Amino acid sequence: QVQLVESGGGLVQAGGSLRLSCVYSGITSGYYYMDWFRQAPGKEREFVATTPWTGRSTYYADSVKGRFTISRDNAKNTMYLQMNSLKPEDMAVYYCATCNSPYVDACRRGETMDYWGKGTLVTVSS
């Protein structure tokens, strides 16, 4: 059974940093990508970042490029999202998810996402 558990959210001032973690279990290398998505109140869920099983490549939404870094350590069954220079518009619930597709564009669009964590709340004060 696949389980994803996010942690690391909290309250931070604008310009500050947080590191989110997603501990996963039951996942094998058969999954192509793992993603971070976020959803702000009253808004649709949006793609943040993705990386393949190897972690050798990374892809970001334009809104976070240069500020956020996705990484994973399969030995620890953990994926991370380092968030720097946080802005009030980054405030949202952040979710990790698995993408069962070999195509990164599908994963960026949120297609073929089969498992999701329950999310962790990031609050950014201005």
PDB file of N, CA and C in Angstrom:
ATOM      1  N   GLN A   1       0.848  -1.193   0.000  1.00  0.00           N
ATOM      2  CA  GLN A   1       0.000   0.000   0.000  1.00  0.00           C
ATOM      3  C   GLN A   1       0.885   1.247   0.000  1.00  0.00           C
ATOM      4  N   VAL A   2       0.586   2.165  -0.911  1.00  0.00           N
ATOM      5  CA  VAL A   2       1.372   3.382  -1.017  1.00  0.00           C
ATOM      6  C   VAL A   2       0.872   4.412  -0.013  1.00  0.00           C
ATOM      7  N   GLN A   3       1.811   5.013   0.695  1.00  0.00           N
ATOM      8  CA  GLN A   3       1.473   6.097   1.613  1.00  0.00           C
ATOM      9  C   GLN A   3       2.447   7.236   1.418  1.00  0.00           C
ATOM     10  N   LEU A   4       1.909   8.446   1.438  1.00  0.00           N
ATOM     11  CA  LEU A   4       2.715   9.659   1.333  1.00  0.00           C
ATOM     12  C   LEU A   4       2.356  10.552   2.508  1.00  0.00           C
ATOM     13  N   VAL A   5       3.372  11.020   3.231  1.00  0.00           N
ATOM     14  CA  VAL A   5       3.122  11.855   4.399  1.00  0.00           C
ATOM     15  C   VAL A   5       4.003  13.092   4.322  1.00  0.00           C
ATOM     16  N   GLU A   6       3.347  14.250   4.191  1.00  0.00           N
ATOM     17  CA  GLU A   6       4.086  15.508   4.118  1.00  0.00           C
ATOM     18  C   GLU A   6       4.286  16.093   5.522  1.00  0.00           C
ATOM     19  N   SER A   7       5.334  16.862   5.667  1.00  0.00           N
ATOM     20  CA  SER A   7       5.595  17.592   6.907  1.00  0.00           C
ATOM     21  C   SER A   7       6.481  18.791   6.591  1.00  0.00           C
ATOM     22  N   GLY A   8       6.634  19.670   7.586  1.00  0.00           N
ATOM     23  CA  GLY A   8       7.535  20.801   7.421  1.00  0.00           C
ATOM     24  C   GLY A   8       6.851  22.130   7.185  1.00  0.00           C
ATOM     25  N   GLY A   9       5.540  22.105   7.022  1.00  0.00           N
ATOM     26  CA  GLY A   9       4.830  23.352   6.838  1.00  0.00           C
ATOM     27  C   GLY A   9       4.808  24.169   8.125  1.00  0.00           C
ATOM     28  N   GLY A  10       4.390  25.407   7.994  1.00  0.00           N
ATOM     29  CA  GLY A  10       4.317  26.267   9.167  1.00  0.00           C
ATOM     30  C   GLY A  10       4.159  27.708   8.761  1.00  0.00           C
ATOM     31  N   LEU A  11       4.365  28.584   9.739  1.00  0.00           N
ATOM     32  CA  LEU A  11       4.241  30.030   9.527  1.00  0.00           C
ATOM     33  C   LEU A  11       5.629  30.630   9.353  1.00  0.00           C
ATOM     34  N   VAL A  12       5.793  31.417   8.309  1.00  0.00           N
ATOM     35  CA  VAL A  12       7.070  32.053   8.032  1.00  0.00           C
ATOM     36  C   VAL A  12       6.813  33.446   7.491  1.00  0.00           C
ATOM     37  N   GLN A  13       7.740  34.346   7.755  1.00  0.00           N
ATOM     38  CA  GLN A  13       7.613  35.700   7.216  1.00  0.00           C
ATOM     39  C   GLN A  13       8.039  35.721   5.759  1.00  0.00           C
ATOM     40  N   ALA A  14       7.511  36.655   5.024  1.00  0.00           N
ATOM     41  CA  ALA A  14       7.914  36.826   3.626  1.00  0.00           C
ATOM     42  C   ALA A  14       9.428  37.000   3.560  1.00  0.00           C
ATOM     43  N   GLY A  15      10.033  36.321   2.596  1.00  0.00           N
ATOM     44  CA  GLY A  15      11.477  36.335   2.470  1.00  0.00           C
ATOM     45  C   GLY A  15      12.162  35.184   3.182  1.00  0.00           C
ATOM     46  N   GLY A  16      11.414  34.481   4.009  1.00  0.00           N
ATOM     47  CA  GLY A  16      11.963  33.373   4.773  1.00  0.00           C
ATOM     48  C   GLY A  16      11.993  32.079   3.984  1.00  0.00           C
ATOM     49  N   SER A  17      12.384  31.008   4.680  1.00  0.00           N
ATOM     50  CA  SER A  17      12.543  29.703   4.040  1.00  0.00           C
ATOM     51  C   SER A  17      11.863  28.613   4.851  1.00  0.00           C
ATOM     52  N   LEU A  18      11.477  27.572   4.156  1.00  0.00           N
ATOM     53  CA  LEU A  18      10.969  26.352   4.772  1.00  0.00           C
ATOM     54  C   LEU A  18      11.433  25.185   3.927  1.00  0.00           C
ATOM     55  N   ARG A  19      11.569  24.021   4.556  1.00  0.00           N
ATOM     56  CA  ARG A  19      11.827  22.798   3.809  1.00  0.00           C
ATOM     57  C   ARG A  19      10.732  21.794   4.123  1.00  0.00           C
ATOM     58  N   LEU A  20      10.034  21.414   3.078  1.00  0.00           N
ATOM     59  CA  LEU A  20       8.990  20.393   3.207  1.00  0.00           C
ATOM     60  C   LEU A  20       9.582  19.025   2.935  1.00  0.00           C
ATOM     61  N   SER A  21       9.029  18.036   3.611  1.00  0.00           N
ATOM     62  CA  SER A  21       9.423  16.651   3.390  1.00  0.00           C
ATOM     63  C   SER A  21       8.198  15.824   3.046  1.00  0.00           C
ATOM     64  N   CYS A  22       8.417  14.822   2.230  1.00  0.00           N
ATOM     65  CA  CYS A  22       7.376  13.854   1.884  1.00  0.00           C
ATOM     66  C   CYS A  22       7.979  12.469   2.061  1.00  0.00           C
ATOM     67  N   VAL A  23       7.558  11.793   3.113  1.00  0.00           N
ATOM     68  CA  VAL A  23       8.039  10.436   3.355  1.00  0.00           C
ATOM     69  C   VAL A  23       7.089   9.471   2.659  1.00  0.00           C
ATOM     70  N   TYR A  24       7.638   8.581   1.847  1.00  0.00           N
ATOM     71  CA  TYR A  24       6.794   7.665   1.087  1.00  0.00           C
ATOM     72  C   TYR A  24       7.124   6.217   1.398  1.00  0.00           C
ATOM     73  N   SER A  25       6.114   5.395   1.276  1.00  0.00           N
ATOM     74  CA  SER A  25       6.272   3.962   1.475  1.00  0.00           C
ATOM     75  C   SER A  25       5.441   3.226   0.446  1.00  0.00           C
ATOM     76  N   GLY A  26       5.860   2.013   0.130  1.00  0.00           N
ATOM     77  CA  GLY A  26       5.129   1.206  -0.831  1.00  0.00           C
ATOM     78  C   GLY A  26       5.373   1.599  -2.275  1.00  0.00           C
ATOM     79  N   ILE A  27       6.346   2.480  -2.506  1.00  0.00           N
ATOM     80  CA  ILE A  27       6.632   2.947  -3.869  1.00  0.00           C
ATOM     81  C   ILE A  27       7.874   2.243  -4.383  1.00  0.00           C
ATOM     82  N   THR A  28       7.778   1.752  -5.587  1.00  0.00           N
ATOM     83  CA  THR A  28       8.919   1.111  -6.233  1.00  0.00           C
ATOM     84  C   THR A  28       9.407   1.996  -7.368  1.00  0.00           C
ATOM     85  N   SER A  29      10.478   1.593  -7.971  1.00  0.00           N
ATOM     86  CA  SER A  29      11.033   2.387  -9.057  1.00  0.00           C
ATOM     87  C   SER A  29      10.125   2.386 -10.276  1.00  0.00           C
ATOM     88  N   GLY A  30       9.029   1.631 -10.234  1.00  0.00           N
ATOM     89  CA  GLY A  30       8.101   1.635 -11.352  1.00  0.00           C
ATOM     90  C   GLY A  30       7.385   2.959 -11.521  1.00  0.00           C
ATOM     91  N   TYR A  31       7.385   3.797 -10.497  1.00  0.00           N
ATOM     92  CA  TYR A  31       6.798   5.122 -10.621  1.00  0.00           C
ATOM     93  C   TYR A  31       7.814   6.053 -11.260  1.00  0.00           C
ATOM     94  N   TYR A  32       7.355   6.798 -12.231  1.00  0.00           N
ATOM     95  CA  TYR A  32       8.266   7.617 -13.006  1.00  0.00           C
ATOM     96  C   TYR A  32       8.658   8.921 -12.310  1.00  0.00           C
ATOM     97  N   TYR A  33       7.666   9.669 -11.862  1.00  0.00           N
ATOM     98  CA  TYR A  33       7.913  10.971 -11.275  1.00  0.00           C
ATOM     99  C   TYR A  33       7.181  11.110  -9.954  1.00  0.00           C
ATOM    100  N   MET A  34       7.709  11.992  -9.119  1.00  0.00           N
ATOM    101  CA  MET A  34       6.980  12.431  -7.928  1.00  0.00           C
ATOM    102  C   MET A  34       6.908  13.944  -7.963  1.00  0.00           C
ATOM    103  N   ASP A  35       5.751  14.456  -7.579  1.00  0.00           N
ATOM    104  CA  ASP A  35       5.462  15.876  -7.743  1.00  0.00           C
ATOM    105  C   ASP A  35       5.147  16.557  -6.415  1.00  0.00           C
ATOM    106  N   TRP A  36       5.310  17.855  -6.432  1.00  0.00           N
ATOM    107  CA  TRP A  36       4.720  18.734  -5.423  1.00  0.00           C
ATOM    108  C   TRP A  36       3.670  19.591  -6.135  1.00  0.00           C
ATOM    109  N   PHE A  37       2.506  19.629  -5.539  1.00  0.00           N
ATOM    110  CA  PHE A  37       1.439  20.522  -5.971  1.00  0.00           C
ATOM    111  C   PHE A  37       1.057  21.387  -4.776  1.00  0.00           C
ATOM    112  N   ARG A  38       0.310  22.435  -5.034  1.00  0.00           N
ATOM    113  CA  ARG A  38      -0.191  23.266  -3.934  1.00  0.00           C
ATOM    114  C   ARG A  38      -1.582  23.785  -4.280  1.00  0.00           C
ATOM    115  N   GLN A  39      -2.321  24.105  -3.223  1.00  0.00           N
ATOM    116  CA  GLN A  39      -3.654  24.655  -3.419  1.00  0.00           C
ATOM    117  C   GLN A  39      -3.897  25.731  -2.381  1.00  0.00           C
ATOM    118  N   ALA A  40      -4.104  26.944  -2.867  1.00  0.00           N
ATOM    119  CA  ALA A  40      -4.415  28.072  -2.003  1.00  0.00           C
ATOM    120  C   ALA A  40      -5.928  28.153  -1.817  1.00  0.00           C
ATOM    121  N   PRO A  41      -6.386  28.785  -0.744  1.00  0.00           N
ATOM    122  CA  PRO A  41      -7.828  28.900  -0.518  1.00  0.00           C
ATOM    123  C   PRO A  41      -8.533  29.564  -1.691  1.00  0.00           C
ATOM    124  N   GLY A  42      -9.569  28.923  -2.159  1.00  0.00           N
ATOM    125  CA  GLY A  42     -10.364  29.492  -3.239  1.00  0.00           C
ATOM    126  C   GLY A  42      -9.750  29.349  -4.616  1.00  0.00           C
ATOM    127  N   LYS A  43      -8.628  28.668  -4.706  1.00  0.00           N
ATOM    128  CA  LYS A  43      -7.959  28.502  -6.000  1.00  0.00           C
ATOM    129  C   LYS A  43      -7.837  27.035  -6.361  1.00  0.00           C
ATOM    130  N   GLU A  44      -7.569  26.803  -7.626  1.00  0.00           N
ATOM    131  CA  GLU A  44      -7.372  25.437  -8.080  1.00  0.00           C
ATOM    132  C   GLU A  44      -5.988  24.951  -7.676  1.00  0.00           C
ATOM    133  N   ARG A  45      -5.881  23.663  -7.573  1.00  0.00           N
ATOM    134  CA  ARG A  45      -4.584  23.061  -7.295  1.00  0.00           C
ATOM    135  C   ARG A  45      -3.637  23.349  -8.456  1.00  0.00           C
ATOM    136  N   GLU A  46      -2.390  23.650  -8.145  1.00  0.00           N
ATOM    137  CA  GLU A  46      -1.435  23.964  -9.197  1.00  0.00           C
ATOM    138  C   GLU A  46      -0.131  23.208  -9.000  1.00  0.00           C
ATOM    139  N   PHE A  47       0.496  22.938 -10.110  1.00  0.00           N
ATOM    140  CA  PHE A  47       1.777  22.246 -10.134  1.00  0.00           C
ATOM    141  C   PHE A  47       2.877  23.141  -9.557  1.00  0.00           C
ATOM    142  N   VAL A  48       3.778  22.556  -8.791  1.00  0.00           N
ATOM    143  CA  VAL A  48       4.909  23.289  -8.238  1.00  0.00           C
ATOM    144  C   VAL A  48       6.229  22.763  -8.799  1.00  0.00           C
ATOM    145  N   ALA A  49       6.457  21.456  -8.658  1.00  0.00           N
ATOM    146  CA  ALA A  49       7.731  20.886  -9.091  1.00  0.00           C
ATOM    147  C   ALA A  49       7.600  19.379  -9.229  1.00  0.00           C
ATOM    148  N   THR A  50       8.492  18.797 -10.045  1.00  0.00           N
ATOM    149  CA  THR A  50       8.507  17.356 -10.198  1.00  0.00           C
ATOM    150  C   THR A  50       9.929  16.878 -10.454  1.00  0.00           C
ATOM    151  N   THR A  51      10.172  15.628 -10.116  1.00  0.00           N
ATOM    152  CA  THR A  51      11.472  15.015 -10.363  1.00  0.00           C
ATOM    153  C   THR A  51      11.261  13.529 -10.596  1.00  0.00           C
ATOM    154  N   PRO A  52      12.048  12.908 -11.471  1.00  0.00           N
ATOM    155  CA  PRO A  52      11.875  11.479 -11.718  1.00  0.00           C
ATOM    156  C   PRO A  52      12.460  10.638 -10.590  1.00  0.00           C
ATOM    157  N   TRP A  53      12.274   9.339 -10.698  1.00  0.00           N
ATOM    158  CA  TRP A  53      12.747   8.430  -9.657  1.00  0.00           C
ATOM    159  C   TRP A  53      14.236   8.633  -9.369  1.00  0.00           C
ATOM    160  N   THR A  54      15.013   8.859 -10.420  1.00  0.00           N
ATOM    161  CA  THR A  54      16.452   9.028 -10.232  1.00  0.00           C
ATOM    162  C   THR A  54      16.811  10.352  -9.565  1.00  0.00           C
ATOM    163  N   GLY A  55      15.927  11.336  -9.654  1.00  0.00           N
ATOM    164  CA  GLY A  55      16.229  12.657  -9.113  1.00  0.00           C
ATOM    165  C   GLY A  55      17.243  13.436  -9.926  1.00  0.00           C
ATOM    166  N   ARG A  56      17.573  12.938 -11.107  1.00  0.00           N
ATOM    167  CA  ARG A  56      18.643  13.562 -11.893  1.00  0.00           C
ATOM    168  C   ARG A  56      18.181  14.780 -12.664  1.00  0.00           C
ATOM    169  N   SER A  57      16.877  14.971 -12.763  1.00  0.00           N
ATOM    170  CA  SER A  57      16.368  16.154 -13.432  1.00  0.00           C
ATOM    171  C   SER A  57      15.238  16.733 -12.603  1.00  0.00           C
ATOM    172  N   THR A  58      15.002  18.010 -12.779  1.00  0.00           N
ATOM    173  CA  THR A  58      13.968  18.697 -12.012  1.00  0.00           C
ATOM    174  C   THR A  58      13.228  19.667 -12.920  1.00  0.00           C
ATOM    175  N   TYR A  59      11.976  19.885 -12.613  1.00  0.00           N
ATOM    176  CA  TYR A  59      11.135  20.766 -13.401  1.00  0.00           C
ATOM    177  C   TYR A  59      10.285  21.595 -12.441  1.00  0.00           C
ATOM    178  N   TYR A  60      10.096  22.854 -12.789  1.00  0.00           N
ATOM    179  CA  TYR A  60       9.411  23.770 -11.870  1.00  0.00           C
ATOM    180  C   TYR A  60       8.357  24.609 -12.586  1.00  0.00           C
ATOM    181  N   ALA A  61       7.383  25.037 -11.825  1.00  0.00           N
ATOM    182  CA  ALA A  61       6.474  26.059 -12.312  1.00  0.00           C
ATOM    183  C   ALA A  61       7.244  27.373 -12.395  1.00  0.00           C
ATOM    184  N   ASP A  62       6.869  28.196 -13.338  1.00  0.00           N
ATOM    185  CA  ASP A  62       7.572  29.473 -13.513  1.00  0.00           C
ATOM    186  C   ASP A  62       7.517  30.321 -12.247  1.00  0.00           C
ATOM    187  N   SER A  63       6.425  30.203 -11.521  1.00  0.00           N
ATOM    188  CA  SER A  63       6.233  31.042 -10.340  1.00  0.00           C
ATOM    189  C   SER A  63       7.199  30.724  -9.203  1.00  0.00           C
ATOM    190  N   VAL A  64       7.823  29.553  -9.230  1.00  0.00           N
ATOM    191  CA  VAL A  64       8.722  29.178  -8.133  1.00  0.00           C
ATOM    192  C   VAL A  64      10.159  28.946  -8.621  1.00  0.00           C
ATOM    193  N   LYS A  65      10.364  28.996  -9.904  1.00  0.00           N
ATOM    194  CA  LYS A  65      11.692  28.734 -10.458  1.00  0.00           C
ATOM    195  C   LYS A  65      12.706  29.712  -9.894  1.00  0.00           C
ATOM    196  N   GLY A  66      13.839  29.172  -9.456  1.00  0.00           N
ATOM    197  CA  GLY A  66      14.883  30.005  -8.878  1.00  0.00           C
ATOM    198  C   GLY A  66      14.746  30.209  -7.380  1.00  0.00           C
ATOM    199  N   ARG A  67      13.591  29.844  -6.834  1.00  0.00           N
ATOM    200  CA  ARG A  67      13.370  30.008  -5.388  1.00  0.00           C
ATOM    201  C   ARG A  67      13.183  28.655  -4.692  1.00  0.00           C
ATOM    202  N   PHE A  68      12.582  27.702  -5.376  1.00  0.00           N
ATOM    203  CA  PHE A  68      12.301  26.384  -4.801  1.00  0.00           C
ATOM    204  C   PHE A  68      13.226  25.348  -5.427  1.00  0.00           C
ATOM    205  N   THR A  69      13.539  24.327  -4.630  1.00  0.00           N
ATOM    206  CA  THR A  69      14.362  23.223  -5.106  1.00  0.00           C
ATOM    207  C   THR A  69      13.751  21.906  -4.669  1.00  0.00           C
ATOM    208  N   ILE A  70      13.479  21.043  -5.641  1.00  0.00           N
ATOM    209  CA  ILE A  70      12.953  19.710  -5.352  1.00  0.00           C
ATOM    210  C   ILE A  70      14.107  18.723  -5.367  1.00  0.00           C
ATOM    211  N   SER A  71      14.059  17.773  -4.457  1.00  0.00           N
ATOM    212  CA  SER A  71      15.082  16.729  -4.428  1.00  0.00           C
ATOM    213  C   SER A  71      14.481  15.494  -3.776  1.00  0.00           C
ATOM    214  N   ARG A  72      15.182  14.378  -3.902  1.00  0.00           N
ATOM    215  CA  ARG A  72      14.689  13.161  -3.277  1.00  0.00           C
ATOM    216  C   ARG A  72      15.855  12.296  -2.850  1.00  0.00           C
ATOM    217  N   ASP A  73      15.642  11.534  -1.819  1.00  0.00           N
ATOM    218  CA  ASP A  73      16.621  10.584  -1.303  1.00  0.00           C
ATOM    219  C   ASP A  73      15.894   9.261  -1.166  1.00  0.00           C
ATOM    220  N   ASN A  74      16.022   8.412  -2.169  1.00  0.00           N
ATOM    221  CA  ASN A  74      15.293   7.148  -2.157  1.00  0.00           C
ATOM    222  C   ASN A  74      15.778   6.203  -1.054  1.00  0.00           C
ATOM    223  N   ALA A  75      17.006   6.387  -0.609  1.00  0.00           N
ATOM    224  CA  ALA A  75      17.509   5.567   0.497  1.00  0.00           C
ATOM    225  C   ALA A  75      16.752   5.870   1.787  1.00  0.00           C
ATOM    226  N   LYS A  76      16.259   7.098   1.879  1.00  0.00           N
ATOM    227  CA  LYS A  76      15.477   7.519   3.048  1.00  0.00           C
ATOM    228  C   LYS A  76      13.985   7.566   2.744  1.00  0.00           C
ATOM    229  N   ASN A  77      13.626   7.173   1.529  1.00  0.00           N
ATOM    230  CA  ASN A  77      12.215   7.224   1.116  1.00  0.00           C
ATOM    231  C   ASN A  77      11.613   8.600   1.357  1.00  0.00           C
ATOM    232  N   THR A  78      12.354   9.623   0.983  1.00  0.00           N
ATOM    233  CA  THR A  78      11.906  10.984   1.261  1.00  0.00           C
ATOM    234  C   THR A  78      12.162  11.900   0.070  1.00  0.00           C
ATOM    235  N   MET A  79      11.185  12.719  -0.205  1.00  0.00           N
ATOM    236  CA  MET A  79      11.307  13.790  -1.187  1.00  0.00           C
ATOM    237  C   MET A  79      11.225  15.113  -0.450  1.00  0.00           C
ATOM    238  N   TYR A  80      11.947  16.103  -0.946  1.00  0.00           N
ATOM    239  CA  TYR A  80      12.010  17.398  -0.271  1.00  0.00           C
ATOM    240  C   TYR A  80      11.596  18.524  -1.214  1.00  0.00           C
ATOM    241  N   LEU A  81      11.184  19.616  -0.612  1.00  0.00           N
ATOM    242  CA  LEU A  81      10.971  20.859  -1.340  1.00  0.00           C
ATOM    243  C   LEU A  81      11.544  21.984  -0.491  1.00  0.00           C
ATOM    244  N   GLN A  82      12.707  22.466  -0.898  1.00  0.00           N
ATOM    245  CA  GLN A  82      13.323  23.592  -0.223  1.00  0.00           C
ATOM    246  C   GLN A  82      12.737  24.860  -0.815  1.00  0.00           C
ATOM    247  N   MET A  83      12.151  25.683   0.036  1.00  0.00           N
ATOM    248  CA  MET A  83      11.478  26.891  -0.426  1.00  0.00           C
ATOM    249  C   MET A  83      12.171  28.103   0.184  1.00  0.00           C
ATOM    250  N   ASN A  84      12.745  28.913  -0.667  1.00  0.00           N
ATOM    251  CA  ASN A  84      13.438  30.131  -0.231  1.00  0.00           C
ATOM    252  C   ASN A  84      12.723  31.361  -0.770  1.00  0.00           C
ATOM    253  N   SER A  85      13.038  32.501  -0.183  1.00  0.00           N
ATOM    254  CA  SER A  85      12.448  33.771  -0.624  1.00  0.00           C
ATOM    255  C   SER A  85      10.933  33.667  -0.744  1.00  0.00           C
ATOM    256  N   LEU A  86      10.310  33.135   0.279  1.00  0.00           N
ATOM    257  CA  LEU A  86       8.868  32.903   0.230  1.00  0.00           C
ATOM    258  C   LEU A  86       8.087  34.209   0.132  1.00  0.00           C
ATOM    259  N   LYS A  87       7.008  34.130  -0.612  1.00  0.00           N
ATOM    260  CA  LYS A  87       6.136  35.277  -0.842  1.00  0.00           C
ATOM    261  C   LYS A  87       4.747  34.965  -0.296  1.00  0.00           C
ATOM    262  N   PRO A  88       3.965  35.979   0.008  1.00  0.00           N
ATOM    263  CA  PRO A  88       2.587  35.712   0.476  1.00  0.00           C
ATOM    264  C   PRO A  88       1.800  34.853  -0.499  1.00  0.00           C
ATOM    265  N   GLU A  89       2.067  34.992  -1.787  1.00  0.00           N
ATOM    266  CA  GLU A  89       1.331  34.192  -2.778  1.00  0.00           C
ATOM    267  C   GLU A  89       1.739  32.724  -2.790  1.00  0.00           C
ATOM    268  N   ASP A  90       2.779  32.372  -2.039  1.00  0.00           N
ATOM    269  CA  ASP A  90       3.156  30.964  -1.907  1.00  0.00           C
ATOM    270  C   ASP A  90       2.332  30.247  -0.840  1.00  0.00           C
ATOM    271  N   MET A  91       1.543  30.994  -0.107  1.00  0.00           N
ATOM    272  CA  MET A  91       0.749  30.401   0.963  1.00  0.00           C
ATOM    273  C   MET A  91      -0.287  29.448   0.385  1.00  0.00           C
ATOM    274  N   ALA A  92      -0.253  28.205   0.868  1.00  0.00           N
ATOM    275  CA  ALA A  92      -1.131  27.161   0.330  1.00  0.00           C
ATOM    276  C   ALA A  92      -0.920  25.887   1.133  1.00  0.00           C
ATOM    277  N   VAL A  93      -1.766  24.913   0.865  1.00  0.00           N
ATOM    278  CA  VAL A  93      -1.512  23.546   1.316  1.00  0.00           C
ATOM    279  C   VAL A  93      -0.679  22.871   0.232  1.00  0.00           C
ATOM    280  N   TYR A  94       0.428  22.289   0.634  1.00  0.00           N
ATOM    281  CA  TYR A  94       1.334  21.637  -0.291  1.00  0.00           C
ATOM    282  C   TYR A  94       1.168  20.126  -0.199  1.00  0.00           C
ATOM    283  N   TYR A  95       1.056  19.506  -1.368  1.00  0.00           N
ATOM    284  CA  TYR A  95       0.838  18.069  -1.456  1.00  0.00           C
ATOM    285  C   TYR A  95       1.952  17.407  -2.256  1.00  0.00           C
ATOM    286  N   CYS A  96       2.351  16.229  -1.840  1.00  0.00           N
ATOM    287  CA  CYS A  96       3.206  15.415  -2.694  1.00  0.00           C
ATOM    288  C   CYS A  96       2.336  14.324  -3.317  1.00  0.00           C
ATOM    289  N   ALA A  97       2.761  13.880  -4.487  1.00  0.00           N
ATOM    290  CA  ALA A  97       1.961  12.920  -5.231  1.00  0.00           C
ATOM    291  C   ALA A  97       2.847  12.120  -6.168  1.00  0.00           C
ATOM    292  N   THR A  98       2.371  10.943  -6.526  1.00  0.00           N
ATOM    293  CA  THR A  98       3.085  10.131  -7.498  1.00  0.00           C
ATOM    294  C   THR A  98       2.438  10.293  -8.867  1.00  0.00           C
ATOM    295  N   CYS A  99       3.277  10.302  -9.888  1.00  0.00           N
ATOM    296  CA  CYS A  99       2.805  10.424 -11.260  1.00  0.00           C
ATOM    297  C   CYS A  99       3.216   9.175 -12.022  1.00  0.00           C
ATOM    298  N   ASN A 100       2.240   8.413 -12.456  1.00  0.00           N
ATOM    299  CA  ASN A 100       2.502   7.151 -13.127  1.00  0.00           C
ATOM    300  C   ASN A 100       2.540   7.345 -14.638  1.00  0.00           C
ATOM    301  N   SER A 101       3.448   8.206 -15.079  1.00  0.00           N
ATOM    302  CA  SER A 101       3.611   8.461 -16.506  1.00  0.00           C
ATOM    303  C   SER A 101       5.080   8.700 -16.790  1.00  0.00           C
ATOM    304  N   PRO A 102       5.571   8.268 -17.942  1.00  0.00           N
ATOM    305  CA  PRO A 102       6.960   8.546 -18.304  1.00  0.00           C
ATOM    306  C   PRO A 102       7.139   9.928 -18.913  1.00  0.00           C
ATOM    307  N   TYR A 103       6.034  10.670 -19.070  1.00  0.00           N
ATOM    308  CA  TYR A 103       6.099  11.962 -19.736  1.00  0.00           C
ATOM    309  C   TYR A 103       5.981  13.092 -18.716  1.00  0.00           C
ATOM    310  N   VAL A 104       7.002  13.920 -18.634  1.00  0.00           N
ATOM    311  CA  VAL A 104       7.018  14.950 -17.601  1.00  0.00           C
ATOM    312  C   VAL A 104       5.892  15.956 -17.805  1.00  0.00           C
ATOM    313  N   ASP A 105       5.509  16.213 -19.052  1.00  0.00           N
ATOM    314  CA  ASP A 105       4.428  17.174 -19.280  1.00  0.00           C
ATOM    315  C   ASP A 105       3.116  16.683 -18.690  1.00  0.00           C
ATOM    316  N   ALA A 106       2.888  15.389 -18.757  1.00  0.00           N
ATOM    317  CA  ALA A 106       1.678  14.828 -18.148  1.00  0.00           C
ATOM    318  C   ALA A 106       1.713  15.022 -16.634  1.00  0.00           C
ATOM    319  N   CYS A 107       2.874  14.839 -16.055  1.00  0.00           N
ATOM    320  CA  CYS A 107       3.013  15.011 -14.609  1.00  0.00           C
ATOM    321  C   CYS A 107       2.864  16.486 -14.225  1.00  0.00           C
ATOM    322  N   ARG A 108       3.320  17.371 -15.058  1.00  0.00           N
ATOM    323  CA  ARG A 108       3.168  18.796 -14.777  1.00  0.00           C
ATOM    324  C   ARG A 108       1.699  19.212 -14.858  1.00  0.00           C
ATOM    325  N   ARG A 109       0.968  18.553 -15.734  1.00  0.00           N
ATOM    326  CA  ARG A 109      -0.460  18.887 -15.863  1.00  0.00           C
ATOM    327  C   ARG A 109      -1.304  18.175 -14.820  1.00  0.00           C
ATOM    328  N   GLY A 110      -0.681  17.342 -14.004  1.00  0.00           N
ATOM    329  CA  GLY A 110      -1.444  16.627 -12.984  1.00  0.00           C
ATOM    330  C   GLY A 110      -2.189  15.423 -13.520  1.00  0.00           C
ATOM    331  N   GLU A 111      -1.790  14.934 -14.677  1.00  0.00           N
ATOM    332  CA  GLU A 111      -2.433  13.764 -15.269  1.00  0.00           C
ATOM    333  C   GLU A 111      -1.784  12.497 -14.727  1.00  0.00           C
ATOM    334  N   THR A 112      -2.534  11.449 -14.692  1.00  0.00           N
ATOM    335  CA  THR A 112      -2.061  10.138 -14.215  1.00  0.00           C
ATOM    336  C   THR A 112      -1.424  10.219 -12.838  1.00  0.00           C
ATOM    337  N   MET A 113      -1.979  11.052 -11.975  1.00  0.00           N
ATOM    338  CA  MET A 113      -1.523  11.116 -10.592  1.00  0.00           C
ATOM    339  C   MET A 113      -2.316  10.090  -9.822  1.00  0.00           C
ATOM    340  N   ASP A 114      -1.656   9.136  -9.193  1.00  0.00           N
ATOM    341  CA  ASP A 114      -2.447   8.100  -8.565  1.00  0.00           C
ATOM    342  C   ASP A 114      -2.427   8.097  -7.036  1.00  0.00           C
ATOM    343  N   TYR A 115      -1.427   8.629  -6.400  1.00  0.00           N
ATOM    344  CA  TYR A 115      -1.427   8.699  -4.946  1.00  0.00           C
ATOM    345  C   TYR A 115      -1.075  10.105  -4.486  1.00  0.00           C
ATOM    346  N   TRP A 116      -1.766  10.539  -3.440  1.00  0.00           N
ATOM    347  CA  TRP A 116      -1.570  11.878  -2.874  1.00  0.00           C
ATOM    348  C   TRP A 116      -1.394  11.772  -1.363  1.00  0.00           C
ATOM    349  N   GLY A 117      -0.593  12.683  -0.821  1.00  0.00           N
ATOM    350  CA  GLY A 117      -0.547  12.832   0.622  1.00  0.00           C
ATOM    351  C   GLY A 117      -1.685  13.722   1.073  1.00  0.00           C
ATOM    352  N   LYS A 118      -1.778  13.939   2.378  1.00  0.00           N
ATOM    353  CA  LYS A 118      -2.858  14.760   2.927  1.00  0.00           C
ATOM    354  C   LYS A 118      -2.514  16.238   2.960  1.00  0.00           C
ATOM    355  N   GLY A 119      -1.258  16.563   2.722  1.00  0.00           N
ATOM    356  CA  GLY A 119      -0.857  17.953   2.619  1.00  0.00           C
ATOM    357  C   GLY A 119      -0.289  18.538   3.892  1.00  0.00           C
ATOM    358  N   THR A 120       0.458  19.630   3.715  1.00  0.00           N
ATOM    359  CA  THR A 120       0.997  20.386   4.844  1.00  0.00           C
ATOM    360  C   THR A 120       0.820  21.862   4.523  1.00  0.00           C
ATOM    361  N   LEU A 121       0.379  22.627   5.505  1.00  0.00           N
ATOM    362  CA  LEU A 121       0.017  24.024   5.290  1.00  0.00           C
ATOM    363  C   LEU A 121       1.224  24.932   5.447  1.00  0.00           C
ATOM    364  N   VAL A 122       1.400  25.782   4.455  1.00  0.00           N
ATOM    365  CA  VAL A 122       2.440  26.811   4.492  1.00  0.00           C
ATOM    366  C   VAL A 122       1.757  28.170   4.550  1.00  0.00           C
ATOM    367  N   THR A 123       2.064  28.932   5.585  1.00  0.00           N
ATOM    368  CA  THR A 123       1.496  30.264   5.741  1.00  0.00           C
ATOM    369  C   THR A 123       2.628  31.281   5.696  1.00  0.00           C
ATOM    370  N   VAL A 124       2.482  32.273   4.837  1.00  0.00           N
ATOM    371  CA  VAL A 124       3.505  33.299   4.674  1.00  0.00           C
ATOM    372  C   VAL A 124       2.910  34.641   5.053  1.00  0.00           C
ATOM    373  N   SER A 125       3.483  35.266   6.037  1.00  0.00           N
ATOM    374  CA  SER A 125       2.987  36.571   6.469  1.00  0.00           C
ATOM    375  C   SER A 125       3.782  37.690   5.802  1.00  0.00           C
ATOM    376  N   SER A 126       3.085  38.749   5.478  1.00  0.00           N
ATOM    377  CA  SER A 126       3.734  39.861   4.766  1.00  0.00           C
ATOM    378  C   SER A 126       4.244  40.906   5.744  1.00  0.00           C
TER     379      SER A 126
END
